[in-house]
PDB file of N, CA and C in Angstrom:
ATOM      1  N   MET A   1     -42.897 -18.038 -28.874  1.00  0.00           N
ATOM      2  CA  MET A   1     -41.872 -17.407 -28.048  1.00  0.00           C
ATOM      3  C   MET A   1     -40.524 -17.512 -28.743  1.00  0.00           C
ATOM      4  N   LYS A   2     -39.773 -16.450 -28.691  1.00  0.00           N
ATOM      5  CA  LYS A   2     -38.474 -16.404 -29.353  1.00  0.00           C
ATOM      6  C   LYS A   2     -37.400 -17.068 -28.505  1.00  0.00           C
ATOM      7  N   SER A   3     -36.383 -17.546 -29.190  1.00  0.00           N
ATOM      8  CA  SER A   3     -35.212 -18.088 -28.511  1.00  0.00           C
ATOM      9  C   SER A   3     -34.408 -16.927 -27.915  1.00  0.00           C
ATOM     10  N   ILE A   4     -33.738 -17.174 -26.797  1.00  0.00           N
ATOM     11  CA  ILE A   4     -32.962 -16.097 -26.179  1.00  0.00           C
ATOM     12  C   ILE A   4     -31.795 -15.681 -27.073  1.00  0.00           C
ATOM     13  N   TYR A   5     -31.320 -16.595 -27.915  1.00  0.00           N
ATOM     14  CA  TYR A   5     -30.205 -16.271 -28.794  1.00  0.00           C
ATOM     15  C   TYR A   5     -30.654 -15.564 -30.074  1.00  0.00           C
ATOM     16  N   SER A   6     -31.950 -15.564 -30.370  1.00  0.00           N
ATOM     17  CA  SER A   6     -32.432 -14.809 -31.533  1.00  0.00           C
ATOM     18  C   SER A   6     -32.726 -13.360 -31.163  1.00  0.00           C
ATOM     19  N   VAL A   7     -32.868 -13.062 -29.884  1.00  0.00           N
ATOM     20  CA  VAL A   7     -33.121 -11.687 -29.433  1.00  0.00           C
ATOM     21  C   VAL A   7     -31.815 -10.912 -29.375  1.00  0.00           C
ATOM     22  N   ILE A   8     -30.796 -11.466 -28.724  1.00  0.00           N
ATOM     23  CA  ILE A   8     -29.492 -10.811 -28.596  1.00  0.00           C
ATOM     24  C   ILE A   8     -28.608 -11.292 -29.740  1.00  0.00           C
ATOM     25  N   LYS A   9     -28.223 -10.369 -30.628  1.00  0.00           N
ATOM     26  CA  LYS A   9     -27.394 -10.751 -31.771  1.00  0.00           C
ATOM     27  C   LYS A   9     -25.906 -10.698 -31.430  1.00  0.00           C
ATOM     28  N   ALA A  10     -25.446  -9.602 -30.798  1.00  0.00           N
ATOM     29  CA  ALA A  10     -24.019  -9.475 -30.493  1.00  0.00           C
ATOM     30  C   ALA A  10     -23.808  -8.331 -29.512  1.00  0.00           C
ATOM     31  N   PRO A  11     -22.754  -8.410 -28.694  1.00  0.00           N
ATOM     32  CA  PRO A  11     -22.397  -7.255 -27.875  1.00  0.00           C
ATOM     33  C   PRO A  11     -21.714  -6.199 -28.732  1.00  0.00           C
ATOM     34  N   LEU A  12     -21.936  -4.944 -28.423  1.00  0.00           N
ATOM     35  CA  LEU A  12     -21.277  -3.853 -29.133  1.00  0.00           C
ATOM     36  C   LEU A  12     -20.066  -3.424 -28.311  1.00  0.00           C
ATOM     37  N   VAL A  13     -18.887  -3.688 -28.832  1.00  0.00           N
ATOM     38  CA  VAL A  13     -17.658  -3.324 -28.146  1.00  0.00           C
ATOM     39  C   VAL A  13     -17.038  -2.161 -28.913  1.00  0.00           C
ATOM     40  N   THR A  14     -17.331  -0.954 -28.437  1.00  0.00           N
ATOM     41  CA  THR A  14     -16.787   0.254 -29.038  1.00  0.00           C
ATOM     42  C   THR A  14     -16.076   1.045 -27.954  1.00  0.00           C
ATOM     43  N   GLU A  15     -15.442   2.118 -28.351  1.00  0.00           N
ATOM     44  CA  GLU A  15     -14.739   2.944 -27.374  1.00  0.00           C
ATOM     45  C   GLU A  15     -15.713   3.552 -26.368  1.00  0.00           C
ATOM     46  N   LYS A  16     -16.846   4.005 -26.868  1.00  0.00           N
ATOM     47  CA  LYS A  16     -17.838   4.620 -25.988  1.00  0.00           C
ATOM     48  C   LYS A  16     -18.444   3.594 -25.033  1.00  0.00           C
ATOM     49  N   SER A  17     -18.768   2.406 -25.536  1.00  0.00           N
ATOM     50  CA  SER A  17     -19.356   1.394 -24.660  1.00  0.00           C
ATOM     51  C   SER A  17     -18.345   0.875 -23.645  1.00  0.00           C
ATOM     52  N   SER A  18     -17.063   0.917 -23.984  1.00  0.00           N
ATOM     53  CA  SER A  18     -16.039   0.514 -23.022  1.00  0.00           C
ATOM     54  C   SER A  18     -15.953   1.496 -21.859  1.00  0.00           C
ATOM     55  N   ARG A  19     -16.129   2.777 -22.147  1.00  0.00           N
ATOM     56  CA  ARG A  19     -16.133   3.778 -21.072  1.00  0.00           C
ATOM     57  C   ARG A  19     -17.353   3.619 -20.168  1.00  0.00           C
ATOM     58  N   HIS A  20     -18.477   3.172 -20.727  1.00  0.00           N
ATOM     59  CA  HIS A  20     -19.694   3.016 -19.934  1.00  0.00           C
ATOM     60  C   HIS A  20     -19.657   1.798 -19.016  1.00  0.00           C
ATOM     61  N   SER A  21     -18.757   0.858 -19.268  1.00  0.00           N
ATOM     62  CA  SER A  21     -18.709  -0.342 -18.435  1.00  0.00           C
ATOM     63  C   SER A  21     -18.308  -0.016 -16.993  1.00  0.00           C
ATOM     64  N   VAL A  22     -17.685   1.127 -16.776  1.00  0.00           N
ATOM     65  CA  VAL A  22     -17.358   1.566 -15.415  1.00  0.00           C
ATOM     66  C   VAL A  22     -18.645   1.800 -14.622  1.00  0.00           C
ATOM     67  N   TYR A  23     -19.690   2.226 -15.308  1.00  0.00           N
ATOM     68  CA  TYR A  23     -20.987   2.503 -14.673  1.00  0.00           C
ATOM     69  C   TYR A  23     -21.948   1.328 -14.787  1.00  0.00           C
ATOM     70  N   ARG A  24     -21.422   0.127 -15.063  1.00  0.00           N
ATOM     71  CA  ARG A  24     -22.201  -1.104 -15.206  1.00  0.00           C
ATOM     72  C   ARG A  24     -23.203  -1.024 -16.362  1.00  0.00           C
ATOM     73  N   LYS A  25     -22.832  -0.313 -17.436  1.00  0.00           N
ATOM     74  CA  LYS A  25     -23.677  -0.207 -18.629  1.00  0.00           C
ATOM     75  C   LYS A  25     -22.995  -0.933 -19.785  1.00  0.00           C
ATOM     76  N   TYR A  26     -23.767  -1.749 -20.492  1.00  0.00           N
ATOM     77  CA  TYR A  26     -23.253  -2.533 -21.609  1.00  0.00           C
ATOM     78  C   TYR A  26     -24.200  -2.388 -22.789  1.00  0.00           C
ATOM     79  N   SER A  27     -23.638  -2.350 -24.007  1.00  0.00           N
ATOM     80  CA  SER A  27     -24.433  -2.169 -25.221  1.00  0.00           C
ATOM     81  C   SER A  27     -24.501  -3.469 -26.004  1.00  0.00           C
ATOM     82  N   PHE A  28     -25.679  -3.740 -26.591  1.00  0.00           N
ATOM     83  CA  PHE A  28     -25.891  -4.947 -27.368  1.00  0.00           C
ATOM     84  C   PHE A  28     -26.659  -4.628 -28.639  1.00  0.00           C
ATOM     85  N   LEU A  29     -26.366  -5.363 -29.692  1.00  0.00           N
ATOM     86  CA  LEU A  29     -27.133  -5.326 -30.923  1.00  0.00           C
ATOM     87  C   LEU A  29     -28.243  -6.357 -30.766  1.00  0.00           C
ATOM     88  N   VAL A  30     -29.493  -5.918 -30.884  1.00  0.00           N
ATOM     89  CA  VAL A  30     -30.637  -6.812 -30.679  1.00  0.00           C
ATOM     90  C   VAL A  30     -31.499  -6.833 -31.931  1.00  0.00           C
ATOM     91  N   SER A  31     -32.414  -7.800 -31.991  1.00  0.00           N
ATOM     92  CA  SER A  31     -33.295  -7.891 -33.158  1.00  0.00           C
ATOM     93  C   SER A  31     -34.280  -6.725 -33.147  1.00  0.00           C
ATOM     94  N   ASN A  32     -34.675  -6.289 -34.330  1.00  0.00           N
ATOM     95  CA  ASN A  32     -35.521  -5.098 -34.466  1.00  0.00           C
ATOM     96  C   ASN A  32     -36.904  -5.263 -33.851  1.00  0.00           C
ATOM     97  N   ASP A  33     -37.416  -6.481 -33.773  1.00  0.00           N
ATOM     98  CA  ASP A  33     -38.772  -6.677 -33.267  1.00  0.00           C
ATOM     99  C   ASP A  33     -38.814  -7.129 -31.804  1.00  0.00           C
ATOM    100  N   SER A  34     -37.699  -7.024 -31.096  1.00  0.00           N
ATOM    101  CA  SER A  34     -37.671  -7.430 -29.686  1.00  0.00           C
ATOM    102  C   SER A  34     -38.088  -6.269 -28.781  1.00  0.00           C
ATOM    103  N   ASN A  35     -38.636  -6.607 -27.622  1.00  0.00           N
ATOM    104  CA  ASN A  35     -39.018  -5.574 -26.654  1.00  0.00           C
ATOM    105  C   ASN A  35     -38.146  -5.685 -25.404  1.00  0.00           C
ATOM    106  N   LYS A  36     -38.356  -4.773 -24.454  1.00  0.00           N
ATOM    107  CA  LYS A  36     -37.486  -4.708 -23.280  1.00  0.00           C
ATOM    108  C   LYS A  36     -37.595  -5.943 -22.394  1.00  0.00           C
ATOM    109  N   VAL A  37     -38.767  -6.539 -22.305  1.00  0.00           N
ATOM    110  CA  VAL A  37     -38.946  -7.731 -21.470  1.00  0.00           C
ATOM    111  C   VAL A  37     -38.155  -8.903 -22.051  1.00  0.00           C
ATOM    112  N   GLU A  38     -38.213  -9.083 -23.366  1.00  0.00           N
ATOM    113  CA  GLU A  38     -37.460 -10.160 -24.010  1.00  0.00           C
ATOM    114  C   GLU A  38     -35.958  -9.931 -23.900  1.00  0.00           C
ATOM    115  N   ILE A  39     -35.528  -8.688 -24.041  1.00  0.00           N
ATOM    116  CA  ILE A  39     -34.106  -8.367 -23.936  1.00  0.00           C
ATOM    117  C   ILE A  39     -33.605  -8.656 -22.525  1.00  0.00           C
ATOM    118  N   LYS A  40     -34.364  -8.235 -21.521  1.00  0.00           N
ATOM    119  CA  LYS A  40     -33.973  -8.466 -20.126  1.00  0.00           C
ATOM    120  C   LYS A  40     -33.882  -9.953 -19.822  1.00  0.00           C
ATOM    121  N   ARG A  41     -34.867 -10.717 -20.240  1.00  0.00           N
ATOM    122  CA  ARG A  41     -34.882 -12.157 -19.987  1.00  0.00           C
ATOM    123  C   ARG A  41     -33.687 -12.835 -20.666  1.00  0.00           C
ATOM    124  N   SER A  42     -33.369 -12.420 -21.878  1.00  0.00           N
ATOM    125  CA  SER A  42     -32.259 -13.023 -22.617  1.00  0.00           C
ATOM    126  C   SER A  42     -30.915 -12.710 -21.977  1.00  0.00           C
ATOM    127  N   ILE A  43     -30.696 -11.453 -21.606  1.00  0.00           N
ATOM    128  CA  ILE A  43     -29.427 -11.061 -20.973  1.00  0.00           C
ATOM    129  C   ILE A  43     -29.230 -11.795 -19.653  1.00  0.00           C
ATOM    130  N   GLU A  44     -30.282 -11.887 -18.852  1.00  0.00           N
ATOM    131  CA  GLU A  44     -30.158 -12.552 -17.553  1.00  0.00           C
ATOM    132  C   GLU A  44     -29.860 -14.038 -17.699  1.00  0.00           C
ATOM    133  N   LYS A  45     -30.424 -14.695 -18.718  1.00  0.00           N
ATOM    134  CA  LYS A  45     -30.172 -16.122 -18.898  1.00  0.00           C
ATOM    135  C   LYS A  45     -28.811 -16.388 -19.529  1.00  0.00           C
ATOM    136  N   ILE A  46     -28.403 -15.569 -20.492  1.00  0.00           N
ATOM    137  CA  ILE A  46     -27.133 -15.814 -21.178  1.00  0.00           C
ATOM    138  C   ILE A  46     -25.943 -15.511 -20.269  1.00  0.00           C
ATOM    139  N   TYR A  47     -25.952 -14.344 -19.614  1.00  0.00           N
ATOM    140  CA  TYR A  47     -24.792 -13.898 -18.833  1.00  0.00           C
ATOM    141  C   TYR A  47     -24.922 -14.140 -17.325  1.00  0.00           C
ATOM    142  N   LYS A  48     -26.074 -14.622 -16.873  1.00  0.00           N
ATOM    143  CA  LYS A  48     -26.318 -14.926 -15.453  1.00  0.00           C
ATOM    144  C   LYS A  48     -26.051 -13.715 -14.561  1.00  0.00           C
ATOM    145  N   VAL A  49     -26.701 -12.592 -14.902  1.00  0.00           N
ATOM    146  CA  VAL A  49     -26.607 -11.341 -14.151  1.00  0.00           C
ATOM    147  C   VAL A  49     -28.027 -10.842 -13.891  1.00  0.00           C
ATOM    148  N   LYS A  50     -28.152  -9.804 -13.086  1.00  0.00           N
ATOM    149  CA  LYS A  50     -29.437  -9.166 -12.821  1.00  0.00           C
ATOM    150  C   LYS A  50     -29.452  -7.797 -13.489  1.00  0.00           C
ATOM    151  N   VAL A  51     -30.458  -7.550 -14.317  1.00  0.00           N
ATOM    152  CA  VAL A  51     -30.580  -6.303 -15.060  1.00  0.00           C
ATOM    153  C   VAL A  51     -31.407  -5.319 -14.253  1.00  0.00           C
ATOM    154  N   ASP A  52     -30.915  -4.078 -14.148  1.00  0.00           N
ATOM    155  CA  ASP A  52     -31.616  -3.024 -13.426  1.00  0.00           C
ATOM    156  C   ASP A  52     -32.472  -2.193 -14.374  1.00  0.00           C
ATOM    157  N   LYS A  53     -31.908  -1.799 -15.519  1.00  0.00           N
ATOM    158  CA  LYS A  53     -32.590  -0.873 -16.421  1.00  0.00           C
ATOM    159  C   LYS A  53     -32.179  -1.173 -17.858  1.00  0.00           C
ATOM    160  N   ILE A  54     -33.098  -0.918 -18.790  1.00  0.00           N
ATOM    161  CA  ILE A  54     -32.826  -1.119 -20.216  1.00  0.00           C
ATOM    162  C   ILE A  54     -33.259   0.118 -20.985  1.00  0.00           C
ATOM    163  N   SER A  55     -32.387   0.590 -21.866  1.00  0.00           N
ATOM    164  CA  SER A  55     -32.730   1.642 -22.820  1.00  0.00           C
ATOM    165  C   SER A  55     -32.527   1.054 -24.203  1.00  0.00           C
ATOM    166  N   SER A  56     -33.562   1.114 -25.024  1.00  0.00           N
ATOM    167  CA  SER A  56     -33.424   0.588 -26.376  1.00  0.00           C
ATOM    168  C   SER A  56     -33.753   1.684 -27.376  1.00  0.00           C
ATOM    169  N   MET A  57     -33.082   1.626 -28.517  1.00  0.00           N
ATOM    170  CA  MET A  57     -33.287   2.643 -29.546  1.00  0.00           C
ATOM    171  C   MET A  57     -33.065   2.025 -30.915  1.00  0.00           C
ATOM    172  N   ILE A  58     -33.749   2.568 -31.919  1.00  0.00           N
ATOM    173  CA  ILE A  58     -33.557   2.134 -33.287  1.00  0.00           C
ATOM    174  C   ILE A  58     -32.648   3.148 -33.970  1.00  0.00           C
ATOM    175  N   ILE A  59     -31.543   2.665 -34.497  1.00  0.00           N
ATOM    176  CA  ILE A  59     -30.580   3.504 -35.190  1.00  0.00           C
ATOM    177  C   ILE A  59     -30.946   3.488 -36.676  1.00  0.00           C
ATOM    178  N   LYS A  60     -31.231   4.644 -37.224  1.00  0.00           N
ATOM    179  CA  LYS A  60     -31.641   4.747 -38.616  1.00  0.00           C
ATOM    180  C   LYS A  60     -30.448   4.520 -39.543  1.00  0.00           C
ATOM    181  N   GLY A  61     -30.704   3.884 -40.673  1.00  0.00           N
ATOM    182  CA  GLY A  61     -29.666   3.646 -41.671  1.00  0.00           C
ATOM    183  C   GLY A  61     -29.226   4.939 -42.336  1.00  0.00           C
ATOM    184  N   LYS A  62     -27.990   4.969 -42.770  1.00  0.00           N
ATOM    185  CA  LYS A  62     -27.438   6.172 -43.390  1.00  0.00           C
ATOM    186  C   LYS A  62     -27.524   6.079 -44.908  1.00  0.00           C
ATOM    187  N   ILE A  63     -27.622   7.223 -45.536  1.00  0.00           N
ATOM    188  CA  ILE A  63     -27.583   7.300 -46.995  1.00  0.00           C
ATOM    189  C   ILE A  63     -26.115   7.244 -47.430  1.00  0.00           C
ATOM    190  N   LYS A  64     -25.760   6.294 -48.268  1.00  0.00           N
ATOM    191  CA  LYS A  64     -24.386   6.112 -48.744  1.00  0.00           C
ATOM    192  C   LYS A  64     -24.395   6.039 -50.261  1.00  0.00           C
ATOM    193  N   LYS A  65     -23.246   6.301 -50.845  1.00  0.00           N
ATOM    194  CA  LYS A  65     -23.097   6.122 -52.281  1.00  0.00           C
ATOM    195  C   LYS A  65     -22.519   4.737 -52.523  1.00  0.00           C
ATOM    196  N   ILE A  66     -23.164   3.997 -53.412  1.00  0.00           N
ATOM    197  CA  ILE A  66     -22.685   2.661 -53.738  1.00  0.00           C
ATOM    198  C   ILE A  66     -22.253   2.646 -55.197  1.00  0.00           C
ATOM    199  N   LYS A  67     -22.350   1.562 -55.887  1.00  0.00           N
ATOM    200  CA  LYS A  67     -21.851   1.415 -57.252  1.00  0.00           C
ATOM    201  C   LYS A  67     -22.160   2.613 -58.137  1.00  0.00           C
ATOM    202  N   TRP A  68     -21.171   3.103 -58.807  1.00  0.00           N
ATOM    203  CA  TRP A  68     -21.285   4.187 -59.774  1.00  0.00           C
ATOM    204  C   TRP A  68     -22.003   5.403 -59.198  1.00  0.00           C
ATOM    205  N   ASN A  69     -21.715   5.725 -57.941  1.00  0.00           N
ATOM    206  CA  ASN A  69     -22.289   6.874 -57.246  1.00  0.00           C
ATOM    207  C   ASN A  69     -23.811   6.856 -57.170  1.00  0.00           C
ATOM    208  N   GLN A  70     -24.404   5.676 -57.183  1.00  0.00           N
ATOM    209  CA  GLN A  70     -25.848   5.559 -57.003  1.00  0.00           C
ATOM    210  C   GLN A  70     -26.153   5.673 -55.511  1.00  0.00           C
ATOM    211  N   PRO A  71     -27.207   6.389 -55.141  1.00  0.00           N
ATOM    212  CA  PRO A  71     -27.531   6.474 -53.710  1.00  0.00           C
ATOM    213  C   PRO A  71     -28.083   5.151 -53.196  1.00  0.00           C
ATOM    214  N   GLY A  72     -27.674   4.806 -52.002  1.00  0.00           N
ATOM    215  CA  GLY A  72     -28.142   3.593 -51.343  1.00  0.00           C
ATOM    216  C   GLY A  72     -28.318   3.874 -49.863  1.00  0.00           C
ATOM    217  N   LYS A  73     -28.823   2.912 -49.135  1.00  0.00           N
ATOM    218  CA  LYS A  73     -29.098   3.118 -47.714  1.00  0.00           C
ATOM    219  C   LYS A  73     -28.680   1.880 -46.940  1.00  0.00           C
ATOM    220  N   THR A  74     -28.031   2.079 -45.797  1.00  0.00           N
ATOM    221  CA  THR A  74     -27.704   0.962 -44.920  1.00  0.00           C
ATOM    222  C   THR A  74     -28.951   0.603 -44.111  1.00  0.00           C
ATOM    223  N   VAL A  75     -28.939  -0.558 -43.508  1.00  0.00           N
ATOM    224  CA  VAL A  75     -30.127  -1.052 -42.813  1.00  0.00           C
ATOM    225  C   VAL A  75     -30.311  -0.360 -41.458  1.00  0.00           C
ATOM    226  N   ASN A  76     -31.556  -0.293 -40.998  1.00  0.00           N
ATOM    227  CA  ASN A  76     -31.854   0.162 -39.648  1.00  0.00           C
ATOM    228  C   ASN A  76     -31.518  -0.978 -38.684  1.00  0.00           C
ATOM    229  N   TRP A  77     -31.052  -0.638 -37.486  1.00  0.00           N
ATOM    230  CA  TRP A  77     -30.746  -1.661 -36.494  1.00  0.00           C
ATOM    231  C   TRP A  77     -31.123  -1.159 -35.110  1.00  0.00           C
ATOM    232  N   LYS A  78     -31.275  -2.080 -34.190  1.00  0.00           N
ATOM    233  CA  LYS A  78     -31.716  -1.733 -32.835  1.00  0.00           C
ATOM    234  C   LYS A  78     -30.586  -1.986 -31.841  1.00  0.00           C
ATOM    235  N   LYS A  79     -30.417  -1.031 -30.948  1.00  0.00           N
ATOM    236  CA  LYS A  79     -29.364  -1.082 -29.937  1.00  0.00           C
ATOM    237  C   LYS A  79     -30.028  -1.051 -28.567  1.00  0.00           C
ATOM    238  N   ALA A  80     -29.500  -1.837 -27.630  1.00  0.00           N
ATOM    239  CA  ALA A  80     -29.993  -1.833 -26.260  1.00  0.00           C
ATOM    240  C   ALA A  80     -28.825  -1.557 -25.324  1.00  0.00           C
ATOM    241  N   VAL A  81     -29.022  -0.608 -24.406  1.00  0.00           N
ATOM    242  CA  VAL A  81     -28.018  -0.301 -23.388  1.00  0.00           C
ATOM    243  C   VAL A  81     -28.561  -0.839 -22.068  1.00  0.00           C
ATOM    244  N   ILE A  82     -27.824  -1.779 -21.484  1.00  0.00           N
ATOM    245  CA  ILE A  82     -28.248  -2.494 -20.285  1.00  0.00           C
ATOM    246  C   ILE A  82     -27.501  -1.936 -19.081  1.00  0.00           C
ATOM    247  N   THR A  83     -28.223  -1.609 -18.024  1.00  0.00           N
ATOM    248  CA  THR A  83     -27.602  -1.228 -16.750  1.00  0.00           C
ATOM    249  C   THR A  83     -27.807  -2.381 -15.782  1.00  0.00           C
ATOM    250  N   LEU A  84     -26.716  -2.869 -15.200  1.00  0.00           N
ATOM    251  CA  LEU A  84     -26.785  -3.996 -14.276  1.00  0.00           C
ATOM    252  C   LEU A  84     -26.938  -3.521 -12.844  1.00  0.00           C
ATOM    253  N   LYS A  85     -27.473  -4.403 -11.997  1.00  0.00           N
ATOM    254  CA  LYS A  85     -27.582  -4.103 -10.573  1.00  0.00           C
ATOM    255  C   LYS A  85     -26.188  -4.138  -9.949  1.00  0.00           C
ATOM    256  N   PRO A  86     -25.993  -3.431  -8.821  1.00  0.00           N
ATOM    257  CA  PRO A  86     -24.665  -3.417  -8.180  1.00  0.00           C
ATOM    258  C   PRO A  86     -24.190  -4.826  -7.825  1.00  0.00           C
ATOM    259  N   GLY A  87     -22.899  -5.065  -8.046  1.00  0.00           N
ATOM    260  CA  GLY A  87     -22.316  -6.364  -7.740  1.00  0.00           C
ATOM    261  C   GLY A  87     -22.227  -7.290  -8.941  1.00  0.00           C
ATOM    262  N   PHE A  88     -22.797  -6.934 -10.068  1.00  0.00           N
ATOM    263  CA  PHE A  88     -22.757  -7.761 -11.265  1.00  0.00           C
ATOM    264  C   PHE A  88     -21.941  -7.061 -12.341  1.00  0.00           C
ATOM    265  N   GLU A  89     -21.272  -7.865 -13.173  1.00  0.00           N
ATOM    266  CA  GLU A  89     -20.551  -7.328 -14.319  1.00  0.00           C
ATOM    267  C   GLU A  89     -20.461  -8.395 -15.395  1.00  0.00           C
ATOM    268  N   ILE A  90     -20.244  -7.945 -16.628  1.00  0.00           N
ATOM    269  CA  ILE A  90     -20.105  -8.838 -17.773  1.00  0.00           C
ATOM    270  C   ILE A  90     -18.704  -8.654 -18.328  1.00  0.00           C
ATOM    271  N   LYS A  91     -18.002  -9.751 -18.563  1.00  0.00           N
ATOM    272  CA  LYS A  91     -16.662  -9.699 -19.141  1.00  0.00           C
ATOM    273  C   LYS A  91     -16.789  -9.820 -20.655  1.00  0.00           C
ATOM    274  N   LEU A  92     -16.588  -8.708 -21.363  1.00  0.00           N
ATOM    275  CA  LEU A  92     -16.606  -8.700 -22.822  1.00  0.00           C
ATOM    276  C   LEU A  92     -15.185  -8.445 -23.297  1.00  0.00           C
ATOM    277  N   THR A  93     -14.604  -9.446 -23.942  1.00  0.00           N
ATOM    278  CA  THR A  93     -13.235  -9.304 -24.433  1.00  0.00           C
ATOM    279  C   THR A  93     -13.168  -9.523 -25.913  1.00  0.00           C
TER     280      THR A  93
END
């Protein structure tokens, strides 16, 4: 069994995710091999809230030019968007 802190890597604080907090939606960077049950359990234990819904997606790495214009690729990462039940909120500052 994984540790709850190995599943959730960091909250994603962007302009778009800040607008979604009005609708009780929060974005997190999670480990690539985690599933929705592990993500839900980790969020509920770390932030002491009740999760209503989870959407997770794998963001594909982009092709970039690195040293001497050689093509390279950034890593793939997984994002989870959490919807909380009414009456709960997370303070991300």
